[in-house]
């Protein structure tokens, strides 16, 4: 004789369809209005397709591009 477990108060029901996090962007695509900044940020678009050990290289590349764009803005 098996009995169903009583529901736990505050428990969240599982989603009917699994969410594919690796294929979804958490933020909507936006434009910053600066072509160089947009290009730098685009370097993060496919990060979920890159092995984790390569993420730091991608972040450093974007950081350097953003720092150059910011430095140029300060000089303008």
C-alpha atoms as a PDB file:
ATOM      1  CA  UNK A   1       0.000   0.000   0.000  1.00  0.00           C
ATOM      2  CA  UNK A   2       1.678   3.193  -1.142  1.00  0.00           C
ATOM      3  CA  UNK A   3       0.600   6.629  -0.069  1.00  0.00           C
ATOM      4  CA  UNK A   4       1.323   9.864  -1.863  1.00  0.00           C
ATOM      5  CA  UNK A   5       3.449  12.317   0.043  1.00  0.00           C
ATOM      6  CA  UNK A   6       1.628  15.373   1.305  1.00  0.00           C
ATOM      7  CA  UNK A   7       2.462  18.561  -0.605  1.00  0.00           C
ATOM      8  CA  UNK A   8       5.017  20.774   1.053  1.00  0.00           C
ATOM      9  CA  UNK A   9       3.806  24.283   1.819  1.00  0.00           C
ATOM     10  CA  UNK A  10       5.527  26.844  -0.401  1.00  0.00           C
ATOM     11  CA  UNK A  11       6.919  24.200  -2.763  1.00  0.00           C
ATOM     12  CA  UNK A  12       7.243  25.201  -6.394  1.00  0.00           C
ATOM     13  CA  UNK A  13       5.734  22.958  -9.009  1.00  0.00           C
ATOM     14  CA  UNK A  14       8.177  21.811 -11.711  1.00  0.00           C
ATOM     15  CA  UNK A  15       7.837  23.435 -15.106  1.00  0.00           C
ATOM     16  CA  UNK A  16       5.974  21.424 -17.692  1.00  0.00           C
ATOM     17  CA  UNK A  17       8.716  22.007 -20.273  1.00  0.00           C
ATOM     18  CA  UNK A  18      12.415  22.033 -19.343  1.00  0.00           C
ATOM     19  CA  UNK A  19      14.172  25.371 -19.739  1.00  0.00           C
ATOM     20  CA  UNK A  20      17.210  25.353 -22.020  1.00  0.00           C
ATOM     21  CA  UNK A  21      19.374  27.876 -20.160  1.00  0.00           C
ATOM     22  CA  UNK A  22      22.393  27.414 -22.439  1.00  0.00           C
ATOM     23  CA  UNK A  23      20.298  28.502 -25.403  1.00  0.00           C
ATOM     24  CA  UNK A  24      18.618  31.511 -23.777  1.00  0.00           C
ATOM     25  CA  UNK A  25      20.006  34.943 -23.171  1.00  0.00           C
ATOM     26  CA  UNK A  26      19.246  36.279 -19.717  1.00  0.00           C
ATOM     27  CA  UNK A  27      19.220  39.831 -21.011  1.00  0.00           C
ATOM     28  CA  UNK A  28      17.473  41.128 -24.103  1.00  0.00           C
ATOM     29  CA  UNK A  29      19.702  42.332 -26.924  1.00  0.00           C
ATOM     30  CA  UNK A  30      20.358  46.023 -26.552  1.00  0.00           C
ATOM     31  CA  UNK A  31      22.448  48.687 -28.172  1.00  0.00           C
ATOM     32  CA  UNK A  32      24.574  50.981 -26.080  1.00  0.00           C
ATOM     33  CA  UNK A  33      24.795  53.525 -28.861  1.00  0.00           C
ATOM     34  CA  UNK A  34      28.553  53.032 -29.182  1.00  0.00           C
ATOM     35  CA  UNK A  35      29.574  50.683 -31.968  1.00  0.00           C
ATOM     36  CA  UNK A  36      32.826  49.670 -30.232  1.00  0.00           C
ATOM     37  CA  UNK A  37      31.072  48.885 -26.940  1.00  0.00           C
ATOM     38  CA  UNK A  38      28.392  46.881 -28.767  1.00  0.00           C
ATOM     39  CA  UNK A  39      31.106  44.944 -30.627  1.00  0.00           C
ATOM     40  CA  UNK A  40      32.957  44.234 -27.381  1.00  0.00           C
ATOM     41  CA  UNK A  41      29.802  43.004 -25.644  1.00  0.00           C
ATOM     42  CA  UNK A  42      28.966  40.833 -28.647  1.00  0.00           C
ATOM     43  CA  UNK A  43      32.111  38.901 -27.750  1.00  0.00           C
ATOM     44  CA  UNK A  44      30.139  37.452 -24.831  1.00  0.00           C
ATOM     45  CA  UNK A  45      27.141  36.320 -26.904  1.00  0.00           C
ATOM     46  CA  UNK A  46      28.398  32.789 -27.530  1.00  0.00           C
ATOM     47  CA  UNK A  47      30.099  32.296 -24.182  1.00  0.00           C
ATOM     48  CA  UNK A  48      27.809  29.379 -23.349  1.00  0.00           C
ATOM     49  CA  UNK A  49      29.273  27.550 -26.365  1.00  0.00           C
ATOM     50  CA  UNK A  50      32.875  28.012 -25.166  1.00  0.00           C
ATOM     51  CA  UNK A  51      34.524  25.703 -22.621  1.00  0.00           C
ATOM     52  CA  UNK A  52      34.545  27.234 -19.146  1.00  0.00           C
ATOM     53  CA  UNK A  53      38.340  27.287 -19.006  1.00  0.00           C
ATOM     54  CA  UNK A  54      38.268  29.732 -21.957  1.00  0.00           C
ATOM     55  CA  UNK A  55      35.814  32.182 -20.348  1.00  0.00           C
ATOM     56  CA  UNK A  56      38.502  34.236 -18.601  1.00  0.00           C
ATOM     57  CA  UNK A  57      40.178  34.952 -21.951  1.00  0.00           C
ATOM     58  CA  UNK A  58      36.870  36.167 -23.378  1.00  0.00           C
ATOM     59  CA  UNK A  59      36.204  38.378 -20.342  1.00  0.00           C
ATOM     60  CA  UNK A  60      39.713  39.838 -20.499  1.00  0.00           C
ATOM     61  CA  UNK A  61      39.331  40.582 -24.210  1.00  0.00           C
ATOM     62  CA  UNK A  62      36.002  42.365 -23.627  1.00  0.00           C
ATOM     63  CA  UNK A  63      37.441  44.231 -20.640  1.00  0.00           C
ATOM     64  CA  UNK A  64      40.387  45.491 -22.715  1.00  0.00           C
ATOM     65  CA  UNK A  65      38.107  46.611 -25.556  1.00  0.00           C
ATOM     66  CA  UNK A  66      35.819  48.426 -23.114  1.00  0.00           C
ATOM     67  CA  UNK A  67      38.782  50.093 -21.363  1.00  0.00           C
ATOM     68  CA  UNK A  68      40.080  51.375 -24.725  1.00  0.00           C
ATOM     69  CA  UNK A  69      36.629  52.742 -25.631  1.00  0.00           C
ATOM     70  CA  UNK A  70      36.364  54.438 -22.235  1.00  0.00           C
ATOM     71  CA  UNK A  71      39.860  55.912 -22.533  1.00  0.00           C
ATOM     72  CA  UNK A  72      39.031  57.311 -25.954  1.00  0.00           C
ATOM     73  CA  UNK A  73      35.802  58.815 -24.583  1.00  0.00           C
ATOM     74  CA  UNK A  74      37.755  60.585 -21.826  1.00  0.00           C
ATOM     75  CA  UNK A  75      40.046  62.157 -24.429  1.00  0.00           C
ATOM     76  CA  UNK A  76      37.158  63.426 -26.569  1.00  0.00           C
END
